[in-house]
Structures are given as C-alpha cells and as structure tokens.
Amino acid sequence: MEILQTRILLRHTQGATIAYFYNRESFDLLNIDRQTYDNSQFVEIGQNIEYNGVQYVVRNINIKLEEKTFQMNNEYGVNLYSPTDASDFNLKIGVFVDSL
C-alpha cells in the first residue's frame, strides 16, 4: 500500500505560483497560529495568512491525488518556488489566495 506523500502549492487566484511546501518546517513560513490544545495548525477558506512578508486571504483549497508518485530530484537545477529541497509527492494540496 502506497503512503501519501504531500506537497502544498500556494498559488494566487490570478495564476501566479507563490511557493511549494514539502515539509513541516517550510509550512511554518506561513505564520499560522498554532492551536493551544495540540499545537496543530489549520488552513481554512477566509483565513488570512502571511508568506514572505505579504499578506493573503485564502479563497479556495483543493486536494489532488496523483496517479503516480512524482520523483523529485535536483540533479538538473533547483526549484525556485520551493523554500526547501523538493521531495517526492503523490498528493498535492492547492491553497489559492488573493492579496490583502
């Protein structure tokens, strides 16, 4: 049974890709408050988030289960949209935002 391996896409509703997040530490770059009872974080429609000093409002969220696991490696370059090294994924969570 294949384990889900996730990446989060942060994209502006007008089409610009803002960032990809591949691990817990990179997700912290969104400056989302943690829950007091279990230290978890939520991303919800209508929520204000911040990335790289710019504030956004979340307009939509979707989940895409890929047909296969994409093997990500940096042999031929670096993913400039990623604040961390890319890792393999088979599930993509899209977070679509507007600027505030």
N, C-alpha and C. Protein backbone atom coordinates (compact mmCIF):
# COMPACT_ATOMS: atom_id res chain seq x y z
N MET A 1 0.84 -1.17 0.00
CA MET A 1 0.00 0.00 0.00
C MET A 1 0.89 1.23 0.00
N GLU A 2 0.60 2.16 -0.92
CA GLU A 2 1.41 3.37 -1.06
C GLU A 2 1.04 4.42 -0.01
N ILE A 3 2.03 4.96 0.66
CA ILE A 3 1.83 6.01 1.66
C ILE A 3 1.68 7.35 0.95
N LEU A 4 0.79 8.20 1.46
CA LEU A 4 0.62 9.53 0.89
C LEU A 4 1.83 10.40 1.20
N GLN A 5 2.35 11.05 0.16
CA GLN A 5 3.46 11.97 0.27
C GLN A 5 3.00 13.30 -0.32
N THR A 6 2.96 14.32 0.50
CA THR A 6 2.25 15.55 0.15
C THR A 6 3.18 16.72 -0.15
N ARG A 7 2.73 17.56 -1.07
CA ARG A 7 3.30 18.89 -1.21
C ARG A 7 2.14 19.87 -1.22
N ILE A 8 2.38 21.06 -0.73
CA ILE A 8 1.36 22.10 -0.68
C ILE A 8 1.75 23.18 -1.68
N LEU A 9 0.82 23.51 -2.56
CA LEU A 9 1.01 24.57 -3.54
C LEU A 9 0.30 25.81 -3.04
N LEU A 10 1.00 26.92 -2.95
CA LEU A 10 0.40 28.21 -2.63
C LEU A 10 0.38 29.02 -3.92
N ARG A 11 -0.83 29.30 -4.41
CA ARG A 11 -0.98 29.97 -5.70
C ARG A 11 -1.97 31.11 -5.60
N HIS A 12 -1.65 32.21 -6.27
CA HIS A 12 -2.56 33.35 -6.33
C HIS A 12 -3.72 33.00 -7.25
N THR A 13 -4.91 33.51 -6.96
CA THR A 13 -6.08 33.20 -7.78
C THR A 13 -5.93 33.71 -9.22
N GLN A 14 -5.02 34.66 -9.43
CA GLN A 14 -4.78 35.16 -10.79
C GLN A 14 -3.73 34.33 -11.53
N GLY A 15 -3.26 33.24 -10.90
CA GLY A 15 -2.44 32.27 -11.60
C GLY A 15 -0.98 32.19 -11.19
N ALA A 16 -0.45 33.16 -10.48
CA ALA A 16 0.97 33.13 -10.13
C ALA A 16 1.25 32.10 -9.03
N THR A 17 2.24 31.26 -9.25
CA THR A 17 2.67 30.33 -8.21
C THR A 17 3.51 31.11 -7.21
N ILE A 18 3.14 31.01 -5.93
CA ILE A 18 3.86 31.73 -4.89
C ILE A 18 4.92 30.84 -4.26
N ALA A 19 4.57 29.60 -3.92
CA ALA A 19 5.53 28.70 -3.28
C ALA A 19 5.00 27.28 -3.27
N TYR A 20 5.92 26.33 -3.10
CA TYR A 20 5.61 24.94 -2.80
C TYR A 20 6.18 24.64 -1.42
N PHE A 21 5.45 23.89 -0.61
CA PHE A 21 5.91 23.49 0.71
C PHE A 21 5.95 21.97 0.77
N TYR A 22 7.08 21.43 1.21
CA TYR A 22 7.30 19.99 1.21
C TYR A 22 7.46 19.38 2.58
N ASN A 23 7.62 20.20 3.61
CA ASN A 23 7.83 19.64 4.94
C ASN A 23 7.28 20.56 6.01
N ARG A 24 7.26 20.08 7.21
CA ARG A 24 6.68 20.80 8.35
C ARG A 24 7.34 22.16 8.58
N GLU A 25 8.65 22.21 8.49
CA GLU A 25 9.38 23.44 8.74
C GLU A 25 9.03 24.52 7.71
N SER A 26 8.88 24.13 6.45
CA SER A 26 8.54 25.13 5.43
C SER A 26 7.11 25.63 5.61
N PHE A 27 6.21 24.78 6.07
CA PHE A 27 4.83 25.20 6.33
C PHE A 27 4.77 26.30 7.39
N ASP A 28 5.71 26.27 8.33
CA ASP A 28 5.77 27.30 9.36
C ASP A 28 6.04 28.69 8.79
N LEU A 29 6.53 28.77 7.55
CA LEU A 29 6.78 30.07 6.92
C LEU A 29 5.49 30.85 6.66
N LEU A 30 4.33 30.19 6.76
CA LEU A 30 3.04 30.87 6.54
C LEU A 30 2.57 31.65 7.77
N ASN A 31 3.29 31.54 8.87
CA ASN A 31 2.95 32.29 10.10
C ASN A 31 1.51 32.06 10.54
N ILE A 32 1.11 30.80 10.59
CA ILE A 32 -0.25 30.44 11.02
C ILE A 32 -0.20 30.09 12.50
N ASP A 33 -1.12 30.66 13.26
CA ASP A 33 -1.18 30.39 14.69
C ASP A 33 -1.38 28.90 14.95
N ARG A 34 -0.78 28.44 16.04
CA ARG A 34 -0.95 27.05 16.47
C ARG A 34 -2.08 26.95 17.49
N GLN A 35 -2.77 25.81 17.47
CA GLN A 35 -3.83 25.54 18.42
C GLN A 35 -3.22 25.29 19.80
N THR A 36 -3.86 25.81 20.84
CA THR A 36 -3.30 25.67 22.19
C THR A 36 -3.42 24.23 22.71
N TYR A 37 -4.43 23.48 22.27
CA TYR A 37 -4.65 22.15 22.83
C TYR A 37 -3.74 21.07 22.28
N ASP A 38 -3.25 21.23 21.04
CA ASP A 38 -2.38 20.17 20.48
C ASP A 38 -1.27 20.70 19.58
N ASN A 39 -1.10 22.02 19.53
CA ASN A 39 -0.03 22.66 18.76
C ASN A 39 -0.18 22.46 17.25
N SER A 40 -1.37 22.07 16.78
CA SER A 40 -1.60 21.88 15.35
C SER A 40 -1.93 23.22 14.68
N GLN A 41 -1.98 23.19 13.35
CA GLN A 41 -2.31 24.38 12.58
C GLN A 41 -3.37 24.03 11.53
N PHE A 42 -4.23 24.98 11.23
CA PHE A 42 -5.27 24.82 10.22
C PHE A 42 -5.11 25.86 9.13
N VAL A 43 -5.48 25.49 7.91
CA VAL A 43 -5.64 26.44 6.82
C VAL A 43 -7.09 26.32 6.39
N GLU A 44 -7.82 27.44 6.40
CA GLU A 44 -9.25 27.43 6.10
C GLU A 44 -9.60 28.55 5.14
N ILE A 45 -10.64 28.34 4.36
CA ILE A 45 -11.13 29.38 3.46
C ILE A 45 -11.55 30.59 4.28
N GLY A 46 -11.13 31.76 3.83
CA GLY A 46 -11.43 33.01 4.52
C GLY A 46 -10.36 33.43 5.51
N GLN A 47 -9.42 32.54 5.79
CA GLN A 47 -8.34 32.83 6.75
C GLN A 47 -7.29 33.74 6.12
N ASN A 48 -6.73 34.63 6.93
CA ASN A 48 -5.61 35.45 6.50
C ASN A 48 -4.32 34.72 6.83
N ILE A 49 -3.41 34.65 5.86
CA ILE A 49 -2.09 34.06 6.07
C ILE A 49 -1.04 35.04 5.58
N GLU A 50 0.19 34.79 5.94
CA GLU A 50 1.29 35.65 5.51
C GLU A 50 2.42 34.77 5.02
N TYR A 51 3.03 35.15 3.91
CA TYR A 51 4.20 34.45 3.41
C TYR A 51 5.17 35.48 2.84
N ASN A 52 6.41 35.40 3.28
CA ASN A 52 7.46 36.27 2.76
C ASN A 52 7.12 37.75 2.89
N GLY A 53 6.46 38.10 4.00
CA GLY A 53 6.12 39.49 4.28
C GLY A 53 4.89 40.02 3.56
N VAL A 54 4.20 39.16 2.80
CA VAL A 54 2.99 39.58 2.07
C VAL A 54 1.80 38.87 2.70
N GLN A 55 0.70 39.61 2.90
CA GLN A 55 -0.49 39.02 3.48
C GLN A 55 -1.48 38.62 2.39
N TYR A 56 -2.12 37.47 2.63
CA TYR A 56 -3.09 36.91 1.68
C TYR A 56 -4.33 36.45 2.43
N VAL A 57 -5.43 36.31 1.69
CA VAL A 57 -6.63 35.68 2.23
C VAL A 57 -6.87 34.40 1.42
N VAL A 58 -7.15 33.30 2.11
CA VAL A 58 -7.38 32.00 1.45
C VAL A 58 -8.77 32.02 0.81
N ARG A 59 -8.83 31.77 -0.48
CA ARG A 59 -10.10 31.77 -1.22
C ARG A 59 -10.61 30.37 -1.52
N ASN A 60 -9.69 29.42 -1.71
CA ASN A 60 -10.11 28.07 -2.06
C ASN A 60 -9.00 27.09 -1.69
N ILE A 61 -9.39 25.85 -1.44
CA ILE A 61 -8.43 24.78 -1.14
C ILE A 61 -8.89 23.54 -1.90
N ASN A 62 -7.96 22.84 -2.54
CA ASN A 62 -8.34 21.57 -3.16
C ASN A 62 -7.25 20.53 -2.93
N ILE A 63 -7.62 19.29 -3.11
CA ILE A 63 -6.70 18.17 -2.93
C ILE A 63 -6.67 17.37 -4.24
N LYS A 64 -5.47 17.11 -4.72
CA LYS A 64 -5.31 16.35 -5.96
C LYS A 64 -4.46 15.11 -5.66
N LEU A 65 -5.05 13.94 -5.86
CA LEU A 65 -4.32 12.69 -5.71
C LEU A 65 -3.77 12.30 -7.08
N GLU A 66 -2.46 12.29 -7.20
CA GLU A 66 -1.81 11.99 -8.47
C GLU A 66 -1.90 10.49 -8.79
N GLU A 67 -1.80 10.15 -10.05
CA GLU A 67 -1.86 8.76 -10.48
C GLU A 67 -0.65 7.97 -10.02
N LYS A 68 0.49 8.66 -9.90
CA LYS A 68 1.74 8.00 -9.51
C LYS A 68 2.53 8.96 -8.63
N THR A 69 3.54 8.45 -7.99
CA THR A 69 4.44 9.29 -7.19
C THR A 69 5.44 9.96 -8.11
N PHE A 70 5.51 11.29 -8.04
CA PHE A 70 6.48 12.04 -8.83
C PHE A 70 7.81 12.05 -8.10
N GLN A 71 8.85 11.60 -8.78
CA GLN A 71 10.19 11.57 -8.21
C GLN A 71 10.83 12.94 -8.41
N MET A 72 11.02 13.66 -7.32
CA MET A 72 11.61 14.99 -7.40
C MET A 72 13.08 14.89 -7.04
N ASN A 73 13.91 15.39 -7.91
CA ASN A 73 15.34 15.48 -7.59
C ASN A 73 15.87 16.77 -8.18
N ASN A 74 16.98 17.20 -7.69
CA ASN A 74 17.56 18.47 -8.13
C ASN A 74 18.83 18.27 -8.92
N GLU A 75 18.91 17.18 -9.67
CA GLU A 75 20.11 16.93 -10.45
C GLU A 75 20.36 18.00 -11.51
N TYR A 76 19.28 18.54 -12.08
CA TYR A 76 19.43 19.46 -13.20
C TYR A 76 19.03 20.89 -12.87
N GLY A 77 18.93 21.23 -11.61
CA GLY A 77 18.57 22.59 -11.25
C GLY A 77 17.84 22.62 -9.92
N VAL A 78 17.37 23.78 -9.57
CA VAL A 78 16.73 24.00 -8.29
C VAL A 78 15.34 24.56 -8.52
N ASN A 79 14.36 24.10 -7.76
CA ASN A 79 13.01 24.61 -7.84
C ASN A 79 12.97 25.95 -7.10
N LEU A 80 12.90 27.05 -7.84
CA LEU A 80 12.96 28.38 -7.24
C LEU A 80 11.72 28.71 -6.43
N TYR A 81 10.63 27.99 -6.63
CA TYR A 81 9.41 28.24 -5.88
C TYR A 81 9.43 27.59 -4.50
N SER A 82 10.36 26.70 -4.27
CA SER A 82 10.37 25.94 -3.02
C SER A 82 11.31 26.56 -2.01
N PRO A 83 10.82 26.81 -0.79
CA PRO A 83 11.72 27.31 0.25
C PRO A 83 12.57 26.21 0.86
N THR A 84 12.34 24.97 0.46
CA THR A 84 13.12 23.83 0.95
C THR A 84 13.43 22.92 -0.23
N ASP A 85 14.26 21.92 0.00
CA ASP A 85 14.53 20.95 -1.06
C ASP A 85 13.25 20.20 -1.40
N ALA A 86 13.07 19.93 -2.67
CA ALA A 86 11.88 19.19 -3.11
C ALA A 86 11.96 17.74 -2.68
N SER A 87 10.81 17.14 -2.43
CA SER A 87 10.75 15.72 -2.12
C SER A 87 9.66 15.07 -2.96
N ASP A 88 9.70 13.76 -3.06
CA ASP A 88 8.72 13.03 -3.85
C ASP A 88 7.31 13.31 -3.32
N PHE A 89 6.31 13.28 -4.23
CA PHE A 89 4.94 13.50 -3.79
C PHE A 89 3.97 12.76 -4.68
N ASN A 90 2.81 12.42 -4.12
CA ASN A 90 1.72 11.83 -4.89
C ASN A 90 0.39 12.47 -4.52
N LEU A 91 0.42 13.45 -3.65
CA LEU A 91 -0.77 14.18 -3.22
C LEU A 91 -0.41 15.65 -3.17
N LYS A 92 -1.23 16.48 -3.82
CA LYS A 92 -0.98 17.92 -3.82
C LYS A 92 -2.18 18.63 -3.21
N ILE A 93 -1.91 19.49 -2.24
CA ILE A 93 -2.94 20.34 -1.65
C ILE A 93 -2.74 21.74 -2.22
N GLY A 94 -3.73 22.22 -2.93
CA GLY A 94 -3.67 23.57 -3.51
C GLY A 94 -4.36 24.56 -2.58
N VAL A 95 -3.64 25.61 -2.23
CA VAL A 95 -4.20 26.70 -1.43
C VAL A 95 -4.17 27.94 -2.32
N PHE A 96 -5.36 28.44 -2.65
CA PHE A 96 -5.48 29.55 -3.59
C PHE A 96 -5.85 30.81 -2.84
N VAL A 97 -5.07 31.88 -3.07
CA VAL A 97 -5.18 33.08 -2.25
C VAL A 97 -5.30 34.34 -3.11
N ASP A 98 -5.82 35.40 -2.48
CA ASP A 98 -5.79 36.75 -3.04
C ASP A 98 -4.94 37.61 -2.13
N SER A 99 -4.33 38.63 -2.67
CA SER A 99 -3.56 39.57 -1.87
C SER A 99 -4.48 40.42 -1.03
N LEU A 100 -4.00 40.79 0.16
CA LEU A 100 -4.76 41.71 1.02
C LEU A 100 -4.26 43.12 0.82
